[in-house]
Amino acid sequence: MTTRATRPDVRECLFHDEKQLKFSPEYSEPNCVLECSWIVGSETCGCVPWFLMDYFPEHNMCEIYGNRCFRKVVNYRYDGVHATKHCREECPKDCNAVTYGDLEW
């Protein structure tokens, strides 16, 4: 049995064409985590930075405090929301990824 034929929940990874991302043409774990973080940030803060307005036309553009909120949610922690940790749980590993050593990102 090939890796591709094994169910994703058993192999614990996804191939590039097995999950459709909203903003990226192909699945990869880093793209999924980034996209998920943006979504969590927009939902938590109610706005998005100016450079993401094309992806979130339904949201308001963040002012200075909204930008701070968005940055904290995406990069760190804000009021108990830690987007990166949440999104790593939502985004399975990429079956085609190559890992060298025990580096954490």
PDB file of N, CA and C in Angstrom:
ATOM      1  N   MET A   1       0.848  -1.182   0.000  1.00  0.00           N
ATOM      2  CA  MET A   1       0.000   0.000   0.000  1.00  0.00           C
ATOM      3  C   MET A   1       0.895   1.247   0.000  1.00  0.00           C
ATOM      4  N   THR A   2       0.599   2.193  -0.856  1.00  0.00           N
ATOM      5  CA  THR A   2       1.389   3.418  -0.927  1.00  0.00           C
ATOM      6  C   THR A   2       0.943   4.412   0.136  1.00  0.00           C
ATOM      7  N   THR A   3       1.805   5.378   0.401  1.00  0.00           N
ATOM      8  CA  THR A   3       1.464   6.418   1.363  1.00  0.00           C
ATOM      9  C   THR A   3       0.228   7.170   0.910  1.00  0.00           C
ATOM     10  N   ARG A   4       0.130   7.460  -0.355  1.00  0.00           N
ATOM     11  CA  ARG A   4      -0.996   8.211  -0.904  1.00  0.00           C
ATOM     12  C   ARG A   4      -2.311   7.461  -0.692  1.00  0.00           C
ATOM     13  N   ALA A   5      -2.279   6.121  -0.752  1.00  0.00           N
ATOM     14  CA  ALA A   5      -3.492   5.323  -0.606  1.00  0.00           C
ATOM     15  C   ALA A   5      -3.960   5.226   0.847  1.00  0.00           C
ATOM     16  N   THR A   6      -3.088   5.521   1.792  1.00  0.00           N
ATOM     17  CA  THR A   6      -3.446   5.480   3.208  1.00  0.00           C
ATOM     18  C   THR A   6      -4.286   6.705   3.546  1.00  0.00           C
ATOM     19  N   ARG A   7      -5.309   6.523   4.370  1.00  0.00           N
ATOM     20  CA  ARG A   7      -6.166   7.642   4.757  1.00  0.00           C
ATOM     21  C   ARG A   7      -5.344   8.726   5.466  1.00  0.00           C
ATOM     22  N   PRO A   8      -5.655  10.006   5.212  1.00  0.00           N
ATOM     23  CA  PRO A   8      -4.903  11.105   5.834  1.00  0.00           C
ATOM     24  C   PRO A   8      -4.877  11.053   7.359  1.00  0.00           C
ATOM     25  N   ASP A   9      -5.967  10.631   7.995  1.00  0.00           N
ATOM     26  CA  ASP A   9      -5.978  10.577   9.461  1.00  0.00           C
ATOM     27  C   ASP A   9      -5.068   9.480   9.999  1.00  0.00           C
ATOM     28  N   VAL A  10      -4.781   8.477   9.196  1.00  0.00           N
ATOM     29  CA  VAL A  10      -3.871   7.401   9.601  1.00  0.00           C
ATOM     30  C   VAL A  10      -2.423   7.815   9.359  1.00  0.00           C
ATOM     31  N   ARG A  11      -2.149   8.399   8.189  1.00  0.00           N
ATOM     32  CA  ARG A  11      -0.769   8.804   7.872  1.00  0.00           C
ATOM     33  C   ARG A  11      -0.365  10.111   8.527  1.00  0.00           C
ATOM     34  N   GLU A  12      -1.340  10.887   9.019  1.00  0.00           N
ATOM     35  CA  GLU A  12      -1.107  12.136   9.747  1.00  0.00           C
ATOM     36  C   GLU A  12      -0.361  13.188   8.932  1.00  0.00           C
ATOM     37  N   CYS A  13      -0.688  13.265   7.653  1.00  0.00           N
ATOM     38  CA  CYS A  13      -0.142  14.318   6.796  1.00  0.00           C
ATOM     39  C   CYS A  13      -1.054  14.467   5.588  1.00  0.00           C
ATOM     40  N   LEU A  14      -0.895  15.589   4.884  1.00  0.00           N
ATOM     41  CA  LEU A  14      -1.678  15.851   3.675  1.00  0.00           C
ATOM     42  C   LEU A  14      -0.757  16.117   2.500  1.00  0.00           C
ATOM     43  N   PHE A  15      -1.185  15.686   1.320  1.00  0.00           N
ATOM     44  CA  PHE A  15      -0.494  16.043   0.095  1.00  0.00           C
ATOM     45  C   PHE A  15      -1.018  17.391  -0.393  1.00  0.00           C
ATOM     46  N   HIS A  16      -0.288  18.020  -1.291  1.00  0.00           N
ATOM     47  CA  HIS A  16      -0.583  19.398  -1.716  1.00  0.00           C
ATOM     48  C   HIS A  16      -1.973  19.599  -2.285  1.00  0.00           C
ATOM     49  N   ASP A  17      -2.608  18.542  -2.772  1.00  0.00           N
ATOM     50  CA  ASP A  17      -3.921  18.689  -3.398  1.00  0.00           C
ATOM     51  C   ASP A  17      -5.069  18.124  -2.547  1.00  0.00           C
ATOM     52  N   GLU A  18      -4.809  17.856  -1.266  1.00  0.00           N
ATOM     53  CA  GLU A  18      -5.838  17.229  -0.431  1.00  0.00           C
ATOM     54  C   GLU A  18      -6.605  18.198   0.468  1.00  0.00           C
ATOM     55  N   LYS A  19      -6.199  19.428   0.541  1.00  0.00           N
ATOM     56  CA  LYS A  19      -6.932  20.420   1.318  1.00  0.00           C
ATOM     57  C   LYS A  19      -6.838  21.744   0.581  1.00  0.00           C
ATOM     58  N   GLN A  20      -7.984  22.331   0.313  1.00  0.00           N
ATOM     59  CA  GLN A  20      -8.022  23.610  -0.392  1.00  0.00           C
ATOM     60  C   GLN A  20      -7.860  24.742   0.607  1.00  0.00           C
ATOM     61  N   LEU A  21      -6.839  25.548   0.406  1.00  0.00           N
ATOM     62  CA  LEU A  21      -6.648  26.732   1.228  1.00  0.00           C
ATOM     63  C   LEU A  21      -7.332  27.916   0.554  1.00  0.00           C
ATOM     64  N   LYS A  22      -7.689  28.900   1.341  1.00  0.00           N
ATOM     65  CA  LYS A  22      -8.404  30.052   0.809  1.00  0.00           C
ATOM     66  C   LYS A  22      -7.493  30.987   0.016  1.00  0.00           C
ATOM     67  N   PHE A  23      -6.248  31.149   0.453  1.00  0.00           N
ATOM     68  CA  PHE A  23      -5.360  32.137  -0.149  1.00  0.00           C
ATOM     69  C   PHE A  23      -4.163  31.551  -0.879  1.00  0.00           C
ATOM     70  N   SER A  24      -3.904  30.271  -0.728  1.00  0.00           N
ATOM     71  CA  SER A  24      -2.742  29.636  -1.354  1.00  0.00           C
ATOM     72  C   SER A  24      -3.213  28.584  -2.346  1.00  0.00           C
ATOM     73  N   PRO A  25      -2.540  28.480  -3.491  1.00  0.00           N
ATOM     74  CA  PRO A  25      -3.001  27.531  -4.514  1.00  0.00           C
ATOM     75  C   PRO A  25      -2.803  26.061  -4.137  1.00  0.00           C
ATOM     76  N   GLU A  26      -1.803  25.756  -3.299  1.00  0.00           N
ATOM     77  CA  GLU A  26      -1.541  24.378  -2.909  1.00  0.00           C
ATOM     78  C   GLU A  26      -1.358  24.289  -1.402  1.00  0.00           C
ATOM     79  N   TYR A  27      -1.712  23.135  -0.859  1.00  0.00           N
ATOM     80  CA  TYR A  27      -1.560  22.924   0.576  1.00  0.00           C
ATOM     81  C   TYR A  27      -0.095  22.730   0.952  1.00  0.00           C
ATOM     82  N   SER A  28       0.304  23.390   2.007  1.00  0.00           N
ATOM     83  CA  SER A  28       1.535  23.090   2.731  1.00  0.00           C
ATOM     84  C   SER A  28       1.260  23.479   4.178  1.00  0.00           C
ATOM     85  N   GLU A  29       1.922  22.833   5.113  1.00  0.00           N
ATOM     86  CA  GLU A  29       1.683  23.141   6.519  1.00  0.00           C
ATOM     87  C   GLU A  29       1.967  24.605   6.847  1.00  0.00           C
ATOM     88  N   PRO A  30       3.113  25.171   6.404  1.00  0.00           N
ATOM     89  CA  PRO A  30       3.357  26.589   6.706  1.00  0.00           C
ATOM     90  C   PRO A  30       2.303  27.524   6.111  1.00  0.00           C
ATOM     91  N   ASN A  31       1.864  27.270   4.885  1.00  0.00           N
ATOM     92  CA  ASN A  31       0.816  28.107   4.281  1.00  0.00           C
ATOM     93  C   ASN A  31      -0.492  27.987   5.049  1.00  0.00           C
ATOM     94  N   CYS A  32      -0.825  26.790   5.477  1.00  0.00           N
ATOM     95  CA  CYS A  32      -2.049  26.565   6.235  1.00  0.00           C
ATOM     96  C   CYS A  32      -1.999  27.299   7.576  1.00  0.00           C
ATOM     97  N   VAL A  33      -0.864  27.207   8.281  1.00  0.00           N
ATOM     98  CA  VAL A  33      -0.727  27.874   9.579  1.00  0.00           C
ATOM     99  C   VAL A  33      -0.814  29.388   9.408  1.00  0.00           C
ATOM    100  N   LEU A  34      -0.155  29.927   8.399  1.00  0.00           N
ATOM    101  CA  LEU A  34      -0.203  31.367   8.155  1.00  0.00           C
ATOM    102  C   LEU A  34      -1.632  31.816   7.844  1.00  0.00           C
ATOM    103  N   GLU A  35      -2.291  31.125   6.932  1.00  0.00           N
ATOM    104  CA  GLU A  35      -3.652  31.473   6.555  1.00  0.00           C
ATOM    105  C   GLU A  35      -4.599  31.360   7.749  1.00  0.00           C
ATOM    106  N   CYS A  36      -4.486  30.302   8.502  1.00  0.00           N
ATOM    107  CA  CYS A  36      -5.319  30.116   9.689  1.00  0.00           C
ATOM    108  C   CYS A  36      -5.061  31.233  10.704  1.00  0.00           C
ATOM    109  N   SER A  37      -3.798  31.605  10.887  1.00  0.00           N
ATOM    110  CA  SER A  37      -3.456  32.691  11.820  1.00  0.00           C
ATOM    111  C   SER A  37      -4.093  34.004  11.391  1.00  0.00           C
ATOM    112  N   TRP A  38      -4.087  34.289  10.098  1.00  0.00           N
ATOM    113  CA  TRP A  38      -4.734  35.495   9.585  1.00  0.00           C
ATOM    114  C   TRP A  38      -6.230  35.472   9.896  1.00  0.00           C
ATOM    115  N   ILE A  39      -6.851  34.311   9.707  1.00  0.00           N
ATOM    116  CA  ILE A  39      -8.291  34.189   9.954  1.00  0.00           C
ATOM    117  C   ILE A  39      -8.588  34.374  11.442  1.00  0.00           C
ATOM    118  N   VAL A  40      -7.820  33.730  12.309  1.00  0.00           N
ATOM    119  CA  VAL A  40      -8.013  33.888  13.751  1.00  0.00           C
ATOM    120  C   VAL A  40      -7.785  35.346  14.157  1.00  0.00           C
ATOM    121  N   GLY A  41      -6.754  35.971  13.601  1.00  0.00           N
ATOM    122  CA  GLY A  41      -6.481  37.376  13.892  1.00  0.00           C
ATOM    123  C   GLY A  41      -7.613  38.283  13.456  1.00  0.00           C
ATOM    124  N   SER A  42      -8.154  38.050  12.277  1.00  0.00           N
ATOM    125  CA  SER A  42      -9.253  38.894  11.783  1.00  0.00           C
ATOM    126  C   SER A  42     -10.511  38.701  12.615  1.00  0.00           C
ATOM    127  N   GLU A  43     -10.780  37.472  13.039  1.00  0.00           N
ATOM    128  CA  GLU A  43     -11.970  37.208  13.860  1.00  0.00           C
ATOM    129  C   GLU A  43     -11.805  37.770  15.269  1.00  0.00           C
ATOM    130  N   THR A  44     -10.617  37.649  15.831  1.00  0.00           N
ATOM    131  CA  THR A  44     -10.372  38.111  17.197  1.00  0.00           C
ATOM    132  C   THR A  44     -10.365  39.635  17.281  1.00  0.00           C
ATOM    133  N   CYS A  45      -9.723  40.273  16.318  1.00  0.00           N
ATOM    134  CA  CYS A  45      -9.532  41.726  16.367  1.00  0.00           C
ATOM    135  C   CYS A  45     -10.596  42.504  15.605  1.00  0.00           C
ATOM    136  N   GLY A  46     -11.329  41.835  14.731  1.00  0.00           N
ATOM    137  CA  GLY A  46     -12.374  42.507  13.967  1.00  0.00           C
ATOM    138  C   GLY A  46     -11.843  43.392  12.859  1.00  0.00           C
ATOM    139  N   CYS A  47     -10.580  43.194  12.506  1.00  0.00           N
ATOM    140  CA  CYS A  47      -9.975  43.995  11.440  1.00  0.00           C
ATOM    141  C   CYS A  47      -8.759  43.252  10.899  1.00  0.00           C
ATOM    142  N   VAL A  48      -8.238  43.745   9.777  1.00  0.00           N
ATOM    143  CA  VAL A  48      -7.013  43.190   9.197  1.00  0.00           C
ATOM    144  C   VAL A  48      -6.098  44.332   8.793  1.00  0.00           C
ATOM    145  N   PRO A  49      -4.774  44.090   8.778  1.00  0.00           N
ATOM    146  CA  PRO A  49      -3.846  45.123   8.321  1.00  0.00           C
ATOM    147  C   PRO A  49      -4.105  45.475   6.851  1.00  0.00           C
ATOM    148  N   TRP A  50      -3.660  46.648   6.451  1.00  0.00           N
ATOM    149  CA  TRP A  50      -3.919  47.145   5.099  1.00  0.00           C
ATOM    150  C   TRP A  50      -3.477  46.177   4.017  1.00  0.00           C
ATOM    151  N   PHE A  51      -2.373  45.452   4.243  1.00  0.00           N
ATOM    152  CA  PHE A  51      -1.827  44.584   3.192  1.00  0.00           C
ATOM    153  C   PHE A  51      -2.628  43.285   3.029  1.00  0.00           C
ATOM    154  N   LEU A  52      -3.620  43.044   3.885  1.00  0.00           N
ATOM    155  CA  LEU A  52      -4.467  41.860   3.754  1.00  0.00           C
ATOM    156  C   LEU A  52      -5.887  42.199   3.312  1.00  0.00           C
ATOM    157  N   MET A  53      -6.142  43.464   3.021  1.00  0.00           N
ATOM    158  CA  MET A  53      -7.496  43.887   2.658  1.00  0.00           C
ATOM    159  C   MET A  53      -8.028  43.168   1.413  1.00  0.00           C
ATOM    160  N   ASP A  54      -7.169  42.830   0.467  1.00  0.00           N
ATOM    161  CA  ASP A  54      -7.625  42.105  -0.725  1.00  0.00           C
ATOM    162  C   ASP A  54      -8.150  40.716  -0.372  1.00  0.00           C
ATOM    163  N   TYR A  55      -7.600  40.111   0.679  1.00  0.00           N
ATOM    164  CA  TYR A  55      -8.022  38.780   1.099  1.00  0.00           C
ATOM    165  C   TYR A  55      -9.246  38.803   2.017  1.00  0.00           C
ATOM    166  N   PHE A  56      -9.466  39.924   2.693  1.00  0.00           N
ATOM    167  CA  PHE A  56     -10.561  40.065   3.661  1.00  0.00           C
ATOM    168  C   PHE A  56     -11.377  41.329   3.364  1.00  0.00           C
ATOM    169  N   PRO A  57     -12.009  41.418   2.199  1.00  0.00           N
ATOM    170  CA  PRO A  57     -12.725  42.652   1.848  1.00  0.00           C
ATOM    171  C   PRO A  57     -13.904  42.947   2.775  1.00  0.00           C
ATOM    172  N   GLU A  58     -14.404  41.932   3.473  1.00  0.00           N
ATOM    173  CA  GLU A  58     -15.543  42.126   4.367  1.00  0.00           C
ATOM    174  C   GLU A  58     -15.155  42.713   5.723  1.00  0.00           C
ATOM    175  N   HIS A  59     -13.853  42.796   6.007  1.00  0.00           N
ATOM    176  CA  HIS A  59     -13.380  43.316   7.292  1.00  0.00           C
ATOM    177  C   HIS A  59     -12.931  44.774   7.173  1.00  0.00           C
ATOM    178  N   ASN A  60     -12.922  45.438   8.307  1.00  0.00           N
ATOM    179  CA  ASN A  60     -12.384  46.791   8.372  1.00  0.00           C
ATOM    180  C   ASN A  60     -10.865  46.731   8.387  1.00  0.00           C
ATOM    181  N   MET A  61     -10.250  47.804   7.921  1.00  0.00           N
ATOM    182  CA  MET A  61      -8.796  47.900   8.010  1.00  0.00           C
ATOM    183  C   MET A  61      -8.433  48.326   9.430  1.00  0.00           C
ATOM    184  N   CYS A  62      -7.436  47.668   9.999  1.00  0.00           N
ATOM    185  CA  CYS A  62      -7.016  47.963  11.371  1.00  0.00           C
ATOM    186  C   CYS A  62      -6.400  49.349  11.483  1.00  0.00           C
ATOM    187  N   GLU A  63      -6.739  50.020  12.559  1.00  0.00           N
ATOM    188  CA  GLU A  63      -6.037  51.237  12.939  1.00  0.00           C
ATOM    189  C   GLU A  63      -4.895  50.803  13.852  1.00  0.00           C
ATOM    190  N   ILE A  64      -4.233  51.730  14.493  1.00  0.00           N
ATOM    191  CA  ILE A  64      -3.028  51.396  15.250  1.00  0.00           C
ATOM    192  C   ILE A  64      -3.276  50.325  16.317  1.00  0.00           C
ATOM    193  N   TYR A  65      -4.362  50.417  17.077  1.00  0.00           N
ATOM    194  CA  TYR A  65      -4.625  49.424  18.125  1.00  0.00           C
ATOM    195  C   TYR A  65      -5.067  48.092  17.535  1.00  0.00           C
ATOM    196  N   GLY A  66      -5.778  48.138  16.439  1.00  0.00           N
ATOM    197  CA  GLY A  66      -6.160  46.908  15.747  1.00  0.00           C
ATOM    198  C   GLY A  66      -4.952  46.195  15.183  1.00  0.00           C
ATOM    199  N   ASN A  67      -4.003  46.949  14.641  1.00  0.00           N
ATOM    200  CA  ASN A  67      -2.768  46.341  14.143  1.00  0.00           C
ATOM    201  C   ASN A  67      -2.011  45.651  15.268  1.00  0.00           C
ATOM    202  N   ARG A  68      -1.964  46.289  16.431  1.00  0.00           N
ATOM    203  CA  ARG A  68      -1.282  45.699  17.580  1.00  0.00           C
ATOM    204  C   ARG A  68      -1.974  44.388  17.969  1.00  0.00           C
ATOM    205  N   CYS A  69      -3.288  44.406  18.015  1.00  0.00           N
ATOM    206  CA  CYS A  69      -4.066  43.209  18.340  1.00  0.00           C
ATOM    207  C   CYS A  69      -3.766  42.101  17.334  1.00  0.00           C
ATOM    208  N   PHE A  70      -3.847  42.424  16.046  1.00  0.00           N
ATOM    209  CA  PHE A  70      -3.642  41.437  14.991  1.00  0.00           C
ATOM    210  C   PHE A  70      -2.248  40.831  15.090  1.00  0.00           C
ATOM    211  N   ARG A  71      -1.241  41.679  15.269  1.00  0.00           N
ATOM    212  CA  ARG A  71       0.141  41.196  15.365  1.00  0.00           C
ATOM    213  C   ARG A  71       0.315  40.266  16.564  1.00  0.00           C
ATOM    214  N   LYS A  72      -0.282  40.641  17.690  1.00  0.00           N
ATOM    215  CA  LYS A  72      -0.155  39.807  18.884  1.00  0.00           C
ATOM    216  C   LYS A  72      -0.841  38.462  18.693  1.00  0.00           C
ATOM    217  N   VAL A  73      -2.011  38.463  18.088  1.00  0.00           N
ATOM    218  CA  VAL A  73      -2.725  37.198  17.870  1.00  0.00           C
ATOM    219  C   VAL A  73      -1.933  36.299  16.928  1.00  0.00           C
ATOM    220  N   VAL A  74      -1.455  36.853  15.830  1.00  0.00           N
ATOM    221  CA  VAL A  74      -0.753  36.046  14.835  1.00  0.00           C
ATOM    222  C   VAL A  74       0.603  35.575  15.355  1.00  0.00           C
ATOM    223  N   ASN A  75       1.323  36.438  16.053  1.00  0.00           N
ATOM    224  CA  ASN A  75       2.685  36.094  16.470  1.00  0.00           C
ATOM    225  C   ASN A  75       2.815  35.585  17.896  1.00  0.00           C
ATOM    226  N   TYR A  76       1.976  36.036  18.756  1.00  0.00           N
ATOM    227  CA  TYR A  76       2.166  35.737  20.170  1.00  0.00           C
ATOM    228  C   TYR A  76       0.859  35.263  20.791  1.00  0.00           C
ATOM    229  N   ARG A  77       0.409  36.002  21.773  1.00  0.00           N
ATOM    230  CA  ARG A  77      -0.817  35.652  22.490  1.00  0.00           C
ATOM    231  C   ARG A  77      -1.582  36.940  22.785  1.00  0.00           C
ATOM    232  N   TYR A  78      -2.899  36.866  22.669  1.00  0.00           N
ATOM    233  CA  TYR A  78      -3.734  38.029  22.951  1.00  0.00           C
ATOM    234  C   TYR A  78      -5.007  37.552  23.634  1.00  0.00           C
ATOM    235  N   ASP A  79      -5.224  37.957  24.834  1.00  0.00           N
ATOM    236  CA  ASP A  79      -6.424  37.579  25.596  1.00  0.00           C
ATOM    237  C   ASP A  79      -6.710  36.079  25.535  1.00  0.00           C
ATOM    238  N   GLY A  80      -5.685  35.283  25.714  1.00  0.00           N
ATOM    239  CA  GLY A  80      -5.870  33.836  25.731  1.00  0.00           C
ATOM    240  C   GLY A  80      -5.918  33.187  24.366  1.00  0.00           C
ATOM    241  N   VAL A  81      -5.882  33.975  23.299  1.00  0.00           N
ATOM    242  CA  VAL A  81      -5.899  33.414  21.944  1.00  0.00           C
ATOM    243  C   VAL A  81      -4.461  33.318  21.461  1.00  0.00           C
ATOM    244  N   HIS A  82      -4.047  32.138  21.095  1.00  0.00           N
ATOM    245  CA  HIS A  82      -2.708  31.943  20.546  1.00  0.00           C
ATOM    246  C   HIS A  82      -2.898  31.273  19.187  1.00  0.00           C
ATOM    247  N   ALA A  83      -2.949  32.079  18.152  1.00  0.00           N
ATOM    248  CA  ALA A  83      -3.314  31.597  16.820  1.00  0.00           C
ATOM    249  C   ALA A  83      -2.371  30.521  16.316  1.00  0.00           C
ATOM    250  N   THR A  84      -1.075  30.707  16.471  1.00  0.00           N
ATOM    251  CA  THR A  84      -0.127  29.750  15.913  1.00  0.00           C
ATOM    252  C   THR A  84      -0.312  28.375  16.537  1.00  0.00           C
ATOM    253  N   LYS A  85      -0.479  28.306  17.846  1.00  0.00           N
ATOM    254  CA  LYS A  85      -0.690  27.024  18.511  1.00  0.00           C
ATOM    255  C   LYS A  85      -1.994  26.382  18.031  1.00  0.00           C
ATOM    256  N   HIS A  86      -3.063  27.163  17.992  1.00  0.00           N
ATOM    257  CA  HIS A  86      -4.356  26.664  17.513  1.00  0.00           C
ATOM    258  C   HIS A  86      -4.235  26.165  16.076  1.00  0.00           C
ATOM    259  N   CYS A  87      -3.574  26.926  15.240  1.00  0.00           N
ATOM    260  CA  CYS A  87      -3.505  26.601  13.820  1.00  0.00           C
ATOM    261  C   CYS A  87      -2.612  25.401  13.534  1.00  0.00           C
ATOM    262  N   ARG A  88      -1.602  25.192  14.330  1.00  0.00           N
ATOM    263  CA  ARG A  88      -0.779  23.989  14.140  1.00  0.00           C
ATOM    264  C   ARG A  88      -1.612  22.738  14.374  1.00  0.00           C
ATOM    265  N   GLU A  89      -2.578  22.830  15.275  1.00  0.00           N
ATOM    266  CA  GLU A  89      -3.470  21.701  15.517  1.00  0.00           C
ATOM    267  C   GLU A  89      -4.445  21.509  14.349  1.00  0.00           C
ATOM    268  N   GLU A  90      -4.782  22.587  13.659  1.00  0.00           N
ATOM    269  CA  GLU A  90      -5.724  22.540  12.534  1.00  0.00           C
ATOM    270  C   GLU A  90      -5.057  22.165  11.211  1.00  0.00           C
ATOM    271  N   CYS A  91      -3.731  22.246  11.157  1.00  0.00           N
ATOM    272  CA  CYS A  91      -3.007  22.055   9.903  1.00  0.00           C
ATOM    273  C   CYS A  91      -2.073  20.846   9.994  1.00  0.00           C
ATOM    274  N   PRO A  92      -2.481  19.721   9.408  1.00  0.00           N
ATOM    275  CA  PRO A  92      -1.609  18.542   9.443  1.00  0.00           C
ATOM    276  C   PRO A  92      -0.288  18.796   8.728  1.00  0.00           C
ATOM    277  N   LYS A  93       0.674  17.975   9.021  1.00  0.00           N
ATOM    278  CA  LYS A  93       1.978  18.074   8.368  1.00  0.00           C
ATOM    279  C   LYS A  93       1.816  17.876   6.868  1.00  0.00           C
ATOM    280  N   ASP A  94       2.778  18.374   6.130  1.00  0.00           N
ATOM    281  CA  ASP A  94       2.834  18.256   4.681  1.00  0.00           C
ATOM    282  C   ASP A  94       3.561  16.947   4.363  1.00  0.00           C
ATOM    283  N   CYS A  95       2.919  16.032   3.631  1.00  0.00           N
ATOM    284  CA  CYS A  95       3.530  14.729   3.335  1.00  0.00           C
ATOM    285  C   CYS A  95       4.824  14.855   2.534  1.00  0.00           C
ATOM    286  N   ASN A  96       4.975  15.928   1.768  1.00  0.00           N
ATOM    287  CA  ASN A  96       6.169  16.108   0.947  1.00  0.00           C
ATOM    288  C   ASN A  96       7.249  16.934   1.623  1.00  0.00           C
ATOM    289  N   ALA A  97       7.012  17.362   2.842  1.00  0.00           N
ATOM    290  CA  ALA A  97       7.990  18.206   3.537  1.00  0.00           C
ATOM    291  C   ALA A  97       9.218  17.394   3.936  1.00  0.00           C
ATOM    292  N   VAL A  98      10.347  18.067   3.945  1.00  0.00           N
ATOM    293  CA  VAL A  98      11.600  17.468   4.382  1.00  0.00           C
ATOM    294  C   VAL A  98      12.036  18.215   5.637  1.00  0.00           C
ATOM    295  N   THR A  99      12.326  17.485   6.694  1.00  0.00           N
ATOM    296  CA  THR A  99      12.749  18.080   7.946  1.00  0.00           C
ATOM    297  C   THR A  99      14.170  17.668   8.231  1.00  0.00           C
ATOM    298  N   TYR A 100      14.988  18.636   8.635  1.00  0.00           N
ATOM    299  CA  TYR A 100      16.367  18.367   8.989  1.00  0.00           C
ATOM    300  C   TYR A 100      16.535  18.607  10.484  1.00  0.00           C
ATOM    301  N   GLY A 101      16.816  17.581  11.245  1.00  0.00           N
ATOM    302  CA  GLY A 101      17.021  17.746  12.681  1.00  0.00           C
ATOM    303  C   GLY A 101      15.713  17.959  13.412  1.00  0.00           C
ATOM    304  N   ASP A 102      15.817  18.483  14.609  1.00  0.00           N
ATOM    305  CA  ASP A 102      14.649  18.704  15.460  1.00  0.00           C
ATOM    306  C   ASP A 102      14.309  20.180  15.562  1.00  0.00           C
ATOM    307  N   LEU A 103      14.344  20.893  14.450  1.00  0.00           N
ATOM    308  CA  LEU A 103      14.040  22.315  14.461  1.00  0.00           C
ATOM    309  C   LEU A 103      12.560  22.553  14.632  1.00  0.00           C
ATOM    310  N   GLU A 104      12.199  23.438  15.529  1.00  0.00           N
ATOM    311  CA  GLU A 104      10.810  23.839  15.728  1.00  0.00           C
ATOM    312  C   GLU A 104      10.628  25.195  15.067  1.00  0.00           C
ATOM    313  N   TRP A 105       9.524  25.398  14.392  1.00  0.00           N
ATOM    314  CA  TRP A 105       9.238  26.737  13.833  1.00  0.00           C
ATOM    315  C   TRP A 105       8.016  27.275  14.451  1.00  0.00           C
TER     316      TRP A 105
END
